[in-house]
Amino acid sequence: MSFVLQLIGYVGTFLSIYAYFPQIRHLLKERCSAGISIKMYVIWIISSICILLYAISIMAMVIFVLQIANLMAISIILIFAKKYKGDFCPYHTALQSKSLDTLKEKSGLE
C-alpha cells in the first residue's frame, strides 16, 4: 500500500509540474506578461518555502520534490514576468483593446 500511495504522490507531483508549462511557454515564446499577478506568485513562493521546510522536517520526499519543482517554476515565472512586465502578445493586446472599447461605449466616453 505504501508504494501505491507514493506512486500517487509522484503522479500528483508530475501533474503539478506539468501544469506550469503553458504559463512558462507563453511567457518565453510570446514575451507576454498578461494576466500574471506578481504578488500572487510571491505569496506562492513563500508558501512553497514553508511547505518545503515542513517536508524536510518530516522527511517527506514526495512533498520535498514537489516544492523544489514549485520553487523552480515560480522563480522562472517571476523572473520573466518582471522582464516582460507590460509586454503583451498580439492576442492579449487585441483583448485589452477590445475591453477598453467596451468600457468606453458603456461609459459614453467616445
PDB file of N, CA and C in Angstrom:
ATOM      1  N   MET A   1       0.817  -1.198   0.000  1.00  0.00           N
ATOM      2  CA  MET A   1       0.000   0.000   0.000  1.00  0.00           C
ATOM      3  C   MET A   1       0.860   1.261   0.000  1.00  0.00           C
ATOM      4  N   SER A   2       1.943   1.242   0.723  1.00  0.00           N
ATOM      5  CA  SER A   2       2.822   2.402   0.808  1.00  0.00           C
ATOM      6  C   SER A   2       3.372   2.781  -0.568  1.00  0.00           C
ATOM      7  N   PHE A   3       3.729   1.764  -1.376  1.00  0.00           N
ATOM      8  CA  PHE A   3       4.241   2.023  -2.720  1.00  0.00           C
ATOM      9  C   PHE A   3       3.182   2.700  -3.579  1.00  0.00           C
ATOM     10  N   VAL A   4       1.953   2.227  -3.488  1.00  0.00           N
ATOM     11  CA  VAL A   4       0.853   2.791  -4.276  1.00  0.00           C
ATOM     12  C   VAL A   4       0.628   4.250  -3.879  1.00  0.00           C
ATOM     13  N   LEU A   5       0.632   4.526  -2.596  1.00  0.00           N
ATOM     14  CA  LEU A   5       0.437   5.904  -2.132  1.00  0.00           C
ATOM     15  C   LEU A   5       1.579   6.816  -2.581  1.00  0.00           C
ATOM     16  N   GLN A   6       2.801   6.307  -2.527  1.00  0.00           N
ATOM     17  CA  GLN A   6       3.935   7.104  -3.015  1.00  0.00           C
ATOM     18  C   GLN A   6       3.815   7.348  -4.507  1.00  0.00           C
ATOM     19  N   LEU A   7       3.406   6.339  -5.242  1.00  0.00           N
ATOM     20  CA  LEU A   7       3.222   6.478  -6.683  1.00  0.00           C
ATOM     21  C   LEU A   7       2.163   7.545  -6.983  1.00  0.00           C
ATOM     22  N   ILE A   8       1.070   7.502  -6.238  1.00  0.00           N
ATOM     23  CA  ILE A   8       0.025   8.522  -6.404  1.00  0.00           C
ATOM     24  C   ILE A   8       0.598   9.908  -6.112  1.00  0.00           C
ATOM     25  N   GLY A   9       1.403  10.011  -5.074  1.00  0.00           N
ATOM     26  CA  GLY A   9       2.037  11.285  -4.731  1.00  0.00           C
ATOM     27  C   GLY A   9       2.947  11.786  -5.845  1.00  0.00           C
ATOM     28  N   TYR A  10       3.721  10.904  -6.445  1.00  0.00           N
ATOM     29  CA  TYR A  10       4.611  11.308  -7.540  1.00  0.00           C
ATOM     30  C   TYR A  10       3.835  11.660  -8.806  1.00  0.00           C
ATOM     31  N   VAL A  11       2.723  10.977  -9.048  1.00  0.00           N
ATOM     32  CA  VAL A  11       1.869  11.335 -10.194  1.00  0.00           C
ATOM     33  C   VAL A  11       1.326  12.743  -9.976  1.00  0.00           C
ATOM     34  N   GLY A  12       0.859  13.026  -8.764  1.00  0.00           N
ATOM     35  CA  GLY A  12       0.383  14.367  -8.433  1.00  0.00           C
ATOM     36  C   GLY A  12       1.478  15.408  -8.585  1.00  0.00           C
ATOM     37  N   THR A  13       2.696  15.062  -8.180  1.00  0.00           N
ATOM     38  CA  THR A  13       3.846  15.964  -8.325  1.00  0.00           C
ATOM     39  C   THR A  13       4.110  16.242  -9.796  1.00  0.00           C
ATOM     40  N   PHE A  14       4.101  15.207 -10.613  1.00  0.00           N
ATOM     41  CA  PHE A  14       4.323  15.382 -12.054  1.00  0.00           C
ATOM     42  C   PHE A  14       3.250  16.281 -12.652  1.00  0.00           C
ATOM     43  N   LEU A  15       1.993  16.062 -12.286  1.00  0.00           N
ATOM     44  CA  LEU A  15       0.902  16.881 -12.816  1.00  0.00           C
ATOM     45  C   LEU A  15       1.043  18.345 -12.396  1.00  0.00           C
ATOM     46  N   SER A  16       1.471  18.573 -11.170  1.00  0.00           N
ATOM     47  CA  SER A  16       1.693  19.948 -10.708  1.00  0.00           C
ATOM     48  C   SER A  16       2.794  20.624 -11.508  1.00  0.00           C
ATOM     49  N   ILE A  17       3.859  19.896 -11.773  1.00  0.00           N
ATOM     50  CA  ILE A  17       4.964  20.437 -12.567  1.00  0.00           C
ATOM     51  C   ILE A  17       4.486  20.706 -13.991  1.00  0.00           C
ATOM     52  N   TYR A  18       3.763  19.762 -14.560  1.00  0.00           N
ATOM     53  CA  TYR A  18       3.257  19.883 -15.922  1.00  0.00           C
ATOM     54  C   TYR A  18       2.318  21.089 -16.067  1.00  0.00           C
ATOM     55  N   ALA A  19       1.573  21.395 -15.010  1.00  0.00           N
ATOM     56  CA  ALA A  19       0.615  22.500 -15.048  1.00  0.00           C
ATOM     57  C   ALA A  19       1.288  23.859 -15.258  1.00  0.00           C
ATOM     58  N   TYR A  20       2.548  23.982 -14.907  1.00  0.00           N
ATOM     59  CA  TYR A  20       3.262  25.250 -15.081  1.00  0.00           C
ATOM     60  C   TYR A  20       3.670  25.495 -16.535  1.00  0.00           C
ATOM     61  N   PHE A  21       3.808  24.455 -17.331  1.00  0.00           N
ATOM     62  CA  PHE A  21       4.367  24.591 -18.671  1.00  0.00           C
ATOM     63  C   PHE A  21       3.622  25.556 -19.591  1.00  0.00           C
ATOM     64  N   PRO A  22       2.285  25.555 -19.628  1.00  0.00           N
ATOM     65  CA  PRO A  22       1.631  26.523 -20.522  1.00  0.00           C
ATOM     66  C   PRO A  22       1.972  27.976 -20.174  1.00  0.00           C
ATOM     67  N   GLN A  23       2.025  28.290 -18.882  1.00  0.00           N
ATOM     68  CA  GLN A  23       2.345  29.653 -18.467  1.00  0.00           C
ATOM     69  C   GLN A  23       3.784  30.008 -18.829  1.00  0.00           C
ATOM     70  N   ILE A  24       4.705  29.116 -18.519  1.00  0.00           N
ATOM     71  CA  ILE A  24       6.118  29.369 -18.812  1.00  0.00           C
ATOM     72  C   ILE A  24       6.330  29.459 -20.318  1.00  0.00           C
ATOM     73  N   ARG A  25       5.705  28.563 -21.066  1.00  0.00           N
ATOM     74  CA  ARG A  25       5.842  28.579 -22.529  1.00  0.00           C
ATOM     75  C   ARG A  25       5.337  29.893 -23.103  1.00  0.00           C
ATOM     76  N   HIS A  26       4.185  30.344 -22.638  1.00  0.00           N
ATOM     77  CA  HIS A  26       3.621  31.599 -23.140  1.00  0.00           C
ATOM     78  C   HIS A  26       4.539  32.775 -22.805  1.00  0.00           C
ATOM     79  N   LEU A  27       5.057  32.789 -21.592  1.00  0.00           N
ATOM     80  CA  LEU A  27       5.979  33.864 -21.204  1.00  0.00           C
ATOM     81  C   LEU A  27       7.223  33.887 -22.089  1.00  0.00           C
ATOM     82  N   LEU A  28       7.818  32.730 -22.299  1.00  0.00           N
ATOM     83  CA  LEU A  28       9.070  32.664 -23.047  1.00  0.00           C
ATOM     84  C   LEU A  28       8.872  32.841 -24.553  1.00  0.00           C
ATOM     85  N   LYS A  29       7.834  32.213 -25.103  1.00  0.00           N
ATOM     86  CA  LYS A  29       7.621  32.277 -26.547  1.00  0.00           C
ATOM     87  C   LYS A  29       7.045  33.616 -26.977  1.00  0.00           C
ATOM     88  N   GLU A  30       6.019  34.085 -26.273  1.00  0.00           N
ATOM     89  CA  GLU A  30       5.308  35.295 -26.668  1.00  0.00           C
ATOM     90  C   GLU A  30       5.845  36.560 -25.986  1.00  0.00           C
ATOM     91  N   ARG A  31       6.656  36.373 -24.958  1.00  0.00           N
ATOM     92  CA  ARG A  31       7.164  37.506 -24.152  1.00  0.00           C
ATOM     93  C   ARG A  31       6.006  38.363 -23.664  1.00  0.00           C
ATOM     94  N   CYS A  32       5.003  37.693 -23.166  1.00  0.00           N
ATOM     95  CA  CYS A  32       3.743  38.325 -22.791  1.00  0.00           C
ATOM     96  C   CYS A  32       3.481  38.074 -21.311  1.00  0.00           C
ATOM     97  N   SER A  33       3.304  39.154 -20.561  1.00  0.00           N
ATOM     98  CA  SER A  33       3.073  39.028 -19.124  1.00  0.00           C
ATOM     99  C   SER A  33       1.606  39.239 -18.739  1.00  0.00           C
ATOM    100  N   ALA A  34       0.720  39.208 -19.716  1.00  0.00           N
ATOM    101  CA  ALA A  34      -0.702  39.446 -19.455  1.00  0.00           C
ATOM    102  C   ALA A  34      -1.246  38.430 -18.456  1.00  0.00           C
ATOM    103  N   GLY A  35      -1.999  38.918 -17.506  1.00  0.00           N
ATOM    104  CA  GLY A  35      -2.681  38.055 -16.558  1.00  0.00           C
ATOM    105  C   GLY A  35      -1.822  37.472 -15.458  1.00  0.00           C
ATOM    106  N   ILE A  36      -0.566  37.869 -15.360  1.00  0.00           N
ATOM    107  CA  ILE A  36       0.306  37.323 -14.323  1.00  0.00           C
ATOM    108  C   ILE A  36       0.332  38.289 -13.147  1.00  0.00           C
ATOM    109  N   SER A  37      -0.061  37.782 -11.987  1.00  0.00           N
ATOM    110  CA  SER A  37      -0.025  38.571 -10.768  1.00  0.00           C
ATOM    111  C   SER A  37       1.278  38.271 -10.027  1.00  0.00           C
ATOM    112  N   ILE A  38       2.183  39.229 -10.056  1.00  0.00           N
ATOM    113  CA  ILE A  38       3.466  39.028  -9.382  1.00  0.00           C
ATOM    114  C   ILE A  38       3.254  38.861  -7.879  1.00  0.00           C
ATOM    115  N   LYS A  39       2.330  39.614  -7.303  1.00  0.00           N
ATOM    116  CA  LYS A  39       2.050  39.484  -5.864  1.00  0.00           C
ATOM    117  C   LYS A  39       1.609  38.065  -5.529  1.00  0.00           C
ATOM    118  N   MET A  40       0.742  37.488  -6.365  1.00  0.00           N
ATOM    119  CA  MET A  40       0.273  36.132  -6.111  1.00  0.00           C
ATOM    120  C   MET A  40       1.425  35.139  -6.154  1.00  0.00           C
ATOM    121  N   TYR A  41       2.307  35.291  -7.144  1.00  0.00           N
ATOM    122  CA  TYR A  41       3.430  34.358  -7.243  1.00  0.00           C
ATOM    123  C   TYR A  41       4.431  34.542  -6.106  1.00  0.00           C
ATOM    124  N   VAL A  42       4.585  35.755  -5.594  1.00  0.00           N
ATOM    125  CA  VAL A  42       5.464  35.970  -4.431  1.00  0.00           C
ATOM    126  C   VAL A  42       4.876  35.254  -3.215  1.00  0.00           C
ATOM    127  N   ILE A  43       3.573  35.381  -3.020  1.00  0.00           N
ATOM    128  CA  ILE A  43       2.923  34.674  -1.908  1.00  0.00           C
ATOM    129  C   ILE A  43       3.062  33.167  -2.095  1.00  0.00           C
ATOM    130  N   TRP A  44       2.901  32.711  -3.334  1.00  0.00           N
ATOM    131  CA  TRP A  44       3.006  31.285  -3.625  1.00  0.00           C
ATOM    132  C   TRP A  44       4.417  30.769  -3.340  1.00  0.00           C
ATOM    133  N   ILE A  45       5.432  31.576  -3.655  1.00  0.00           N
ATOM    134  CA  ILE A  45       6.809  31.125  -3.419  1.00  0.00           C
ATOM    135  C   ILE A  45       7.099  31.054  -1.917  1.00  0.00           C
ATOM    136  N   ILE A  46       6.557  32.003  -1.146  1.00  0.00           N
ATOM    137  CA  ILE A  46       6.719  31.960   0.315  1.00  0.00           C
ATOM    138  C   ILE A  46       6.026  30.718   0.869  1.00  0.00           C
ATOM    139  N   SER A  47       4.836  30.433   0.368  1.00  0.00           N
ATOM    140  CA  SER A  47       4.106  29.233   0.774  1.00  0.00           C
ATOM    141  C   SER A  47       4.909  27.971   0.466  1.00  0.00           C
ATOM    142  N   SER A  48       5.500  27.916  -0.714  1.00  0.00           N
ATOM    143  CA  SER A  48       6.298  26.746  -1.107  1.00  0.00           C
ATOM    144  C   SER A  48       7.515  26.568  -0.206  1.00  0.00           C
ATOM    145  N   ILE A  49       8.127  27.672   0.189  1.00  0.00           N
ATOM    146  CA  ILE A  49       9.276  27.587   1.099  1.00  0.00           C
ATOM    147  C   ILE A  49       8.840  27.027   2.454  1.00  0.00           C
ATOM    148  N   CYS A  50       7.699  27.500   2.956  1.00  0.00           N
ATOM    149  CA  CYS A  50       7.197  26.994   4.236  1.00  0.00           C
ATOM    150  C   CYS A  50       6.903  25.494   4.158  1.00  0.00           C
ATOM    151  N   ILE A  51       6.227  25.085   3.083  1.00  0.00           N
ATOM    152  CA  ILE A  51       5.903  23.667   2.922  1.00  0.00           C
ATOM    153  C   ILE A  51       7.167  22.836   2.716  1.00  0.00           C
ATOM    154  N   LEU A  52       8.156  23.384   2.004  1.00  0.00           N
ATOM    155  CA  LEU A  52       9.430  22.686   1.820  1.00  0.00           C
ATOM    156  C   LEU A  52      10.111  22.449   3.161  1.00  0.00           C
ATOM    157  N   LEU A  53      10.130  23.460   4.005  1.00  0.00           N
ATOM    158  CA  LEU A  53      10.742  23.303   5.335  1.00  0.00           C
ATOM    159  C   LEU A  53      10.010  22.235   6.145  1.00  0.00           C
ATOM    160  N   TYR A  54       8.698  22.221   6.041  1.00  0.00           N
ATOM    161  CA  TYR A  54       7.913  21.187   6.716  1.00  0.00           C
ATOM    162  C   TYR A  54       8.246  19.805   6.155  1.00  0.00           C
ATOM    163  N   ALA A  55       8.329  19.687   4.841  1.00  0.00           N
ATOM    164  CA  ALA A  55       8.645  18.394   4.203  1.00  0.00           C
ATOM    165  C   ALA A  55      10.004  17.887   4.660  1.00  0.00           C
ATOM    166  N   ILE A  56      10.965  18.800   4.786  1.00  0.00           N
ATOM    167  CA  ILE A  56      12.292  18.406   5.274  1.00  0.00           C
ATOM    168  C   ILE A  56      12.202  17.904   6.702  1.00  0.00           C
ATOM    169  N   SER A  57      11.401  18.600   7.528  1.00  0.00           N
ATOM    170  CA  SER A  57      11.315  18.222   8.944  1.00  0.00           C
ATOM    171  C   SER A  57      10.696  16.845   9.143  1.00  0.00           C
ATOM    172  N   ILE A  58       9.773  16.460   8.262  1.00  0.00           N
ATOM    173  CA  ILE A  58       9.147  15.137   8.411  1.00  0.00           C
ATOM    174  C   ILE A  58       9.712  14.117   7.417  1.00  0.00           C
ATOM    175  N   MET A  59      10.714  14.536   6.653  1.00  0.00           N
ATOM    176  CA  MET A  59      11.388  13.699   5.661  1.00  0.00           C
ATOM    177  C   MET A  59      10.388  13.094   4.658  1.00  0.00           C
ATOM    178  N   ALA A  60       9.551  13.961   4.099  1.00  0.00           N
ATOM    179  CA  ALA A  60       8.563  13.535   3.106  1.00  0.00           C
ATOM    180  C   ALA A  60       9.106  13.855   1.717  1.00  0.00           C
ATOM    181  N   MET A  61       9.677  12.862   1.081  1.00  0.00           N
ATOM    182  CA  MET A  61      10.369  13.062  -0.189  1.00  0.00           C
ATOM    183  C   MET A  61       9.441  13.555  -1.299  1.00  0.00           C
ATOM    184  N   VAL A  62       8.235  13.033  -1.372  1.00  0.00           N
ATOM    185  CA  VAL A  62       7.296  13.448  -2.422  1.00  0.00           C
ATOM    186  C   VAL A  62       7.007  14.945  -2.294  1.00  0.00           C
ATOM    187  N   ILE A  63       6.728  15.389  -1.089  1.00  0.00           N
ATOM    188  CA  ILE A  63       6.437  16.810  -0.866  1.00  0.00           C
ATOM    189  C   ILE A  63       7.690  17.646  -1.120  1.00  0.00           C
ATOM    190  N   PHE A  64       8.843  17.152  -0.736  1.00  0.00           N
ATOM    191  CA  PHE A  64      10.107  17.843  -0.982  1.00  0.00           C
ATOM    192  C   PHE A  64      10.315  18.058  -2.487  1.00  0.00           C
ATOM    193  N   VAL A  65      10.149  17.005  -3.273  1.00  0.00           N
ATOM    194  CA  VAL A  65      10.333  17.101  -4.724  1.00  0.00           C
ATOM    195  C   VAL A  65       9.321  18.082  -5.325  1.00  0.00           C
ATOM    196  N   LEU A  66       8.080  17.993  -4.883  1.00  0.00           N
ATOM    197  CA  LEU A  66       7.044  18.904  -5.381  1.00  0.00           C
ATOM    198  C   LEU A  66       7.406  20.358  -5.088  1.00  0.00           C
ATOM    199  N   GLN A  67       7.847  20.648  -3.899  1.00  0.00           N
ATOM    200  CA  GLN A  67       8.144  22.033  -3.533  1.00  0.00           C
ATOM    201  C   GLN A  67       9.398  22.560  -4.234  1.00  0.00           C
ATOM    202  N   ILE A  68      10.380  21.717  -4.460  1.00  0.00           N
ATOM    203  CA  ILE A  68      11.550  22.133  -5.242  1.00  0.00           C
ATOM    204  C   ILE A  68      11.100  22.491  -6.660  1.00  0.00           C
ATOM    205  N   ALA A  69      10.249  21.645  -7.240  1.00  0.00           N
ATOM    206  CA  ALA A  69       9.735  21.927  -8.587  1.00  0.00           C
ATOM    207  C   ALA A  69       8.911  23.210  -8.593  1.00  0.00           C
ATOM    208  N   ASN A  70       8.063  23.392  -7.588  1.00  0.00           N
ATOM    209  CA  ASN A  70       7.280  24.622  -7.481  1.00  0.00           C
ATOM    210  C   ASN A  70       8.188  25.844  -7.408  1.00  0.00           C
ATOM    211  N   LEU A  71       9.193  25.777  -6.571  1.00  0.00           N
ATOM    212  CA  LEU A  71      10.110  26.915  -6.417  1.00  0.00           C
ATOM    213  C   LEU A  71      10.819  27.242  -7.723  1.00  0.00           C
ATOM    214  N   MET A  72      11.227  26.226  -8.445  1.00  0.00           N
ATOM    215  CA  MET A  72      11.897  26.465  -9.730  1.00  0.00           C
ATOM    216  C   MET A  72      10.940  27.088 -10.738  1.00  0.00           C
ATOM    217  N   ALA A  73       9.750  26.523 -10.873  1.00  0.00           N
ATOM    218  CA  ALA A  73       8.781  27.031 -11.850  1.00  0.00           C
ATOM    219  C   ALA A  73       8.326  28.446 -11.497  1.00  0.00           C
ATOM    220  N   ILE A  74       8.025  28.675 -10.233  1.00  0.00           N
ATOM    221  CA  ILE A  74       7.577  30.003  -9.812  1.00  0.00           C
ATOM    222  C   ILE A  74       8.689  31.025 -10.012  1.00  0.00           C
ATOM    223  N   SER A  75       9.922  30.634  -9.734  1.00  0.00           N
ATOM    224  CA  SER A  75      11.052  31.545  -9.942  1.00  0.00           C
ATOM    225  C   SER A  75      11.182  31.932 -11.412  1.00  0.00           C
ATOM    226  N   ILE A  76      11.055  30.958 -12.292  1.00  0.00           N
ATOM    227  CA  ILE A  76      11.113  31.237 -13.734  1.00  0.00           C
ATOM    228  C   ILE A  76       9.995  32.204 -14.128  1.00  0.00           C
ATOM    229  N   ILE A  77       8.792  31.938 -13.644  1.00  0.00           N
ATOM    230  CA  ILE A  77       7.657  32.802 -13.971  1.00  0.00           C
ATOM    231  C   ILE A  77       7.895  34.214 -13.448  1.00  0.00           C
ATOM    232  N   LEU A  78       8.369  34.341 -12.216  1.00  0.00           N
ATOM    233  CA  LEU A  78       8.612  35.671 -11.646  1.00  0.00           C
ATOM    234  C   LEU A  78       9.685  36.439 -12.415  1.00  0.00           C
ATOM    235  N   ILE A  79      10.763  35.763 -12.747  1.00  0.00           N
ATOM    236  CA  ILE A  79      11.858  36.415 -13.479  1.00  0.00           C
ATOM    237  C   ILE A  79      11.361  36.947 -14.819  1.00  0.00           C
ATOM    238  N   PHE A  80      10.661  36.109 -15.567  1.00  0.00           N
ATOM    239  CA  PHE A  80      10.226  36.528 -16.896  1.00  0.00           C
ATOM    240  C   PHE A  80       9.005  37.453 -16.853  1.00  0.00           C
ATOM    241  N   ALA A  81       8.175  37.333 -15.835  1.00  0.00           N
ATOM    242  CA  ALA A  81       7.048  38.265 -15.697  1.00  0.00           C
ATOM    243  C   ALA A  81       7.573  39.672 -15.422  1.00  0.00           C
ATOM    244  N   LYS A  82       8.617  39.767 -14.604  1.00  0.00           N
ATOM    245  CA  LYS A  82       9.226  41.077 -14.361  1.00  0.00           C
ATOM    246  C   LYS A  82       9.908  41.592 -15.620  1.00  0.00           C
ATOM    247  N   LYS A  83      10.613  40.697 -16.302  1.00  0.00           N
ATOM    248  CA  LYS A  83      11.324  41.095 -17.516  1.00  0.00           C
ATOM    249  C   LYS A  83      10.364  41.609 -18.587  1.00  0.00           C
ATOM    250  N   TYR A  84       9.231  40.949 -18.747  1.00  0.00           N
ATOM    251  CA  TYR A  84       8.277  41.305 -19.793  1.00  0.00           C
ATOM    252  C   TYR A  84       7.077  42.088 -19.258  1.00  0.00           C
ATOM    253  N   LYS A  85       7.221  42.685 -18.080  1.00  0.00           N
ATOM    254  CA  LYS A  85       6.120  43.439 -17.475  1.00  0.00           C
ATOM    255  C   LYS A  85       5.615  44.511 -18.451  1.00  0.00           C
ATOM    256  N   GLY A  86       4.328  44.494 -18.701  1.00  0.00           N
ATOM    257  CA  GLY A  86       3.726  45.468 -19.612  1.00  0.00           C
ATOM    258  C   GLY A  86       3.794  45.078 -21.076  1.00  0.00           C
ATOM    259  N   ASP A  87       4.451  43.962 -21.391  1.00  0.00           N
ATOM    260  CA  ASP A  87       4.513  43.478 -22.776  1.00  0.00           C
ATOM    261  C   ASP A  87       3.387  42.470 -22.994  1.00  0.00           C
ATOM    262  N   PHE A  88       2.704  42.607 -24.134  1.00  0.00           N
ATOM    263  CA  PHE A  88       1.594  41.713 -24.428  1.00  0.00           C
ATOM    264  C   PHE A  88       1.739  41.151 -25.834  1.00  0.00           C
ATOM    265  N   CYS A  89       1.347  39.911 -25.992  1.00  0.00           N
ATOM    266  CA  CYS A  89       1.321  39.274 -27.303  1.00  0.00           C
ATOM    267  C   CYS A  89       0.159  39.874 -28.106  1.00  0.00           C
ATOM    268  N   PRO A  90       0.110  39.633 -29.415  1.00  0.00           N
ATOM    269  CA  PRO A  90      -0.983  40.180 -30.225  1.00  0.00           C
ATOM    270  C   PRO A  90      -2.376  39.792 -29.708  1.00  0.00           C
ATOM    271  N   TYR A  91      -2.521  38.580 -29.232  1.00  0.00           N
ATOM    272  CA  TYR A  91      -3.822  38.127 -28.734  1.00  0.00           C
ATOM    273  C   TYR A  91      -4.261  38.956 -27.536  1.00  0.00           C
ATOM    274  N   HIS A  92      -3.388  39.114 -26.549  1.00  0.00           N
ATOM    275  CA  HIS A  92      -3.746  39.865 -25.354  1.00  0.00           C
ATOM    276  C   HIS A  92      -3.844  41.366 -25.623  1.00  0.00           C
ATOM    277  N   THR A  93      -3.086  41.857 -26.583  1.00  0.00           N
ATOM    278  CA  THR A  93      -3.204  43.262 -26.974  1.00  0.00           C
ATOM    279  C   THR A  93      -4.590  43.520 -27.555  1.00  0.00           C
ATOM    280  N   ALA A  94      -5.056  42.617 -28.407  1.00  0.00           N
ATOM    281  CA  ALA A  94      -6.392  42.764 -29.004  1.00  0.00           C
ATOM    282  C   ALA A  94      -7.475  42.674 -27.931  1.00  0.00           C
ATOM    283  N   LEU A  95      -7.317  41.755 -26.996  1.00  0.00           N
ATOM    284  CA  LEU A  95      -8.294  41.633 -25.912  1.00  0.00           C
ATOM    285  C   LEU A  95      -8.341  42.897 -25.068  1.00  0.00           C
ATOM    286  N   GLN A  96      -7.167  43.432 -24.780  1.00  0.00           N
ATOM    287  CA  GLN A  96      -7.091  44.641 -23.973  1.00  0.00           C
ATOM    288  C   GLN A  96      -7.740  45.815 -24.705  1.00  0.00           C
ATOM    289  N   SER A  97      -7.473  45.931 -25.991  1.00  0.00           N
ATOM    290  CA  SER A  97      -8.048  46.994 -26.796  1.00  0.00           C
ATOM    291  C   SER A  97      -9.571  46.865 -26.860  1.00  0.00           C
ATOM    292  N   LYS A  98     -10.034  45.636 -27.049  1.00  0.00           N
ATOM    293  CA  LYS A  98     -11.469  45.380 -27.118  1.00  0.00           C
ATOM    294  C   LYS A  98     -12.129  45.721 -25.787  1.00  0.00           C
ATOM    295  N   SER A  99     -11.488  45.378 -24.684  1.00  0.00           N
ATOM    296  CA  SER A  99     -12.024  45.675 -23.356  1.00  0.00           C
ATOM    297  C   SER A  99     -12.126  47.175 -23.137  1.00  0.00           C
ATOM    298  N   LEU A 100     -11.101  47.918 -23.565  1.00  0.00           N
ATOM    299  CA  LEU A 100     -11.125  49.375 -23.424  1.00  0.00           C
ATOM    300  C   LEU A 100     -12.244  49.988 -24.260  1.00  0.00           C
ATOM    301  N   ASP A 101     -12.427  49.480 -25.479  1.00  0.00           N
ATOM    302  CA  ASP A 101     -13.509  49.974 -26.338  1.00  0.00           C
ATOM    303  C   ASP A 101     -14.872  49.726 -25.693  1.00  0.00           C
ATOM    304  N   THR A 102     -15.045  48.549 -25.124  1.00  0.00           N
ATOM    305  CA  THR A 102     -16.298  48.203 -24.474  1.00  0.00           C
ATOM    306  C   THR A 102     -16.558  49.120 -23.287  1.00  0.00           C
ATOM    307  N   LEU A 103     -15.529  49.402 -22.496  1.00  0.00           N
ATOM    308  CA  LEU A 103     -15.675  50.307 -21.358  1.00  0.00           C
ATOM    309  C   LEU A 103     -16.061  51.711 -21.810  1.00  0.00           C
ATOM    310  N   LYS A 104     -15.420  52.166 -22.877  1.00  0.00           N
ATOM    311  CA  LYS A 104     -15.721  53.500 -23.405  1.00  0.00           C
ATOM    312  C   LYS A 104     -17.175  53.572 -23.867  1.00  0.00           C
ATOM    313  N   GLU A 105     -17.629  52.538 -24.555  1.00  0.00           N
ATOM    314  CA  GLU A 105     -19.009  52.503 -25.033  1.00  0.00           C
ATOM    315  C   GLU A 105     -19.997  52.536 -23.885  1.00  0.00           C
ATOM    316  N   LYS A 106     -19.736  51.739 -22.855  1.00  0.00           N
ATOM    317  CA  LYS A 106     -20.655  51.657 -21.720  1.00  0.00           C
ATOM    318  C   LYS A 106     -20.684  52.959 -20.923  1.00  0.00           C
ATOM    319  N   SER A 107     -19.544  53.643 -20.854  1.00  0.00           N
ATOM    320  CA  SER A 107     -19.490  54.869 -20.063  1.00  0.00           C
ATOM    321  C   SER A 107     -19.857  56.098 -20.876  1.00  0.00           C
ATOM    322  N   GLY A 108     -20.008  55.933 -22.190  1.00  0.00           N
ATOM    323  CA  GLY A 108     -20.364  57.057 -23.059  1.00  0.00           C
ATOM    324  C   GLY A 108     -19.230  58.043 -23.269  1.00  0.00           C
ATOM    325  N   LEU A 109     -17.996  57.590 -23.170  1.00  0.00           N
ATOM    326  CA  LEU A 109     -16.835  58.477 -23.307  1.00  0.00           C
ATOM    327  C   LEU A 109     -16.305  58.578 -24.717  1.00  0.00           C
ATOM    328  N   GLU A 110     -16.993  58.052 -25.686  1.00  0.00           N
ATOM    329  CA  GLU A 110     -16.479  58.104 -27.058  1.00  0.00           C
ATOM    330  C   GLU A 110     -16.653  59.436 -27.680  1.00  0.00           C
TER     331      GLU A 110
END
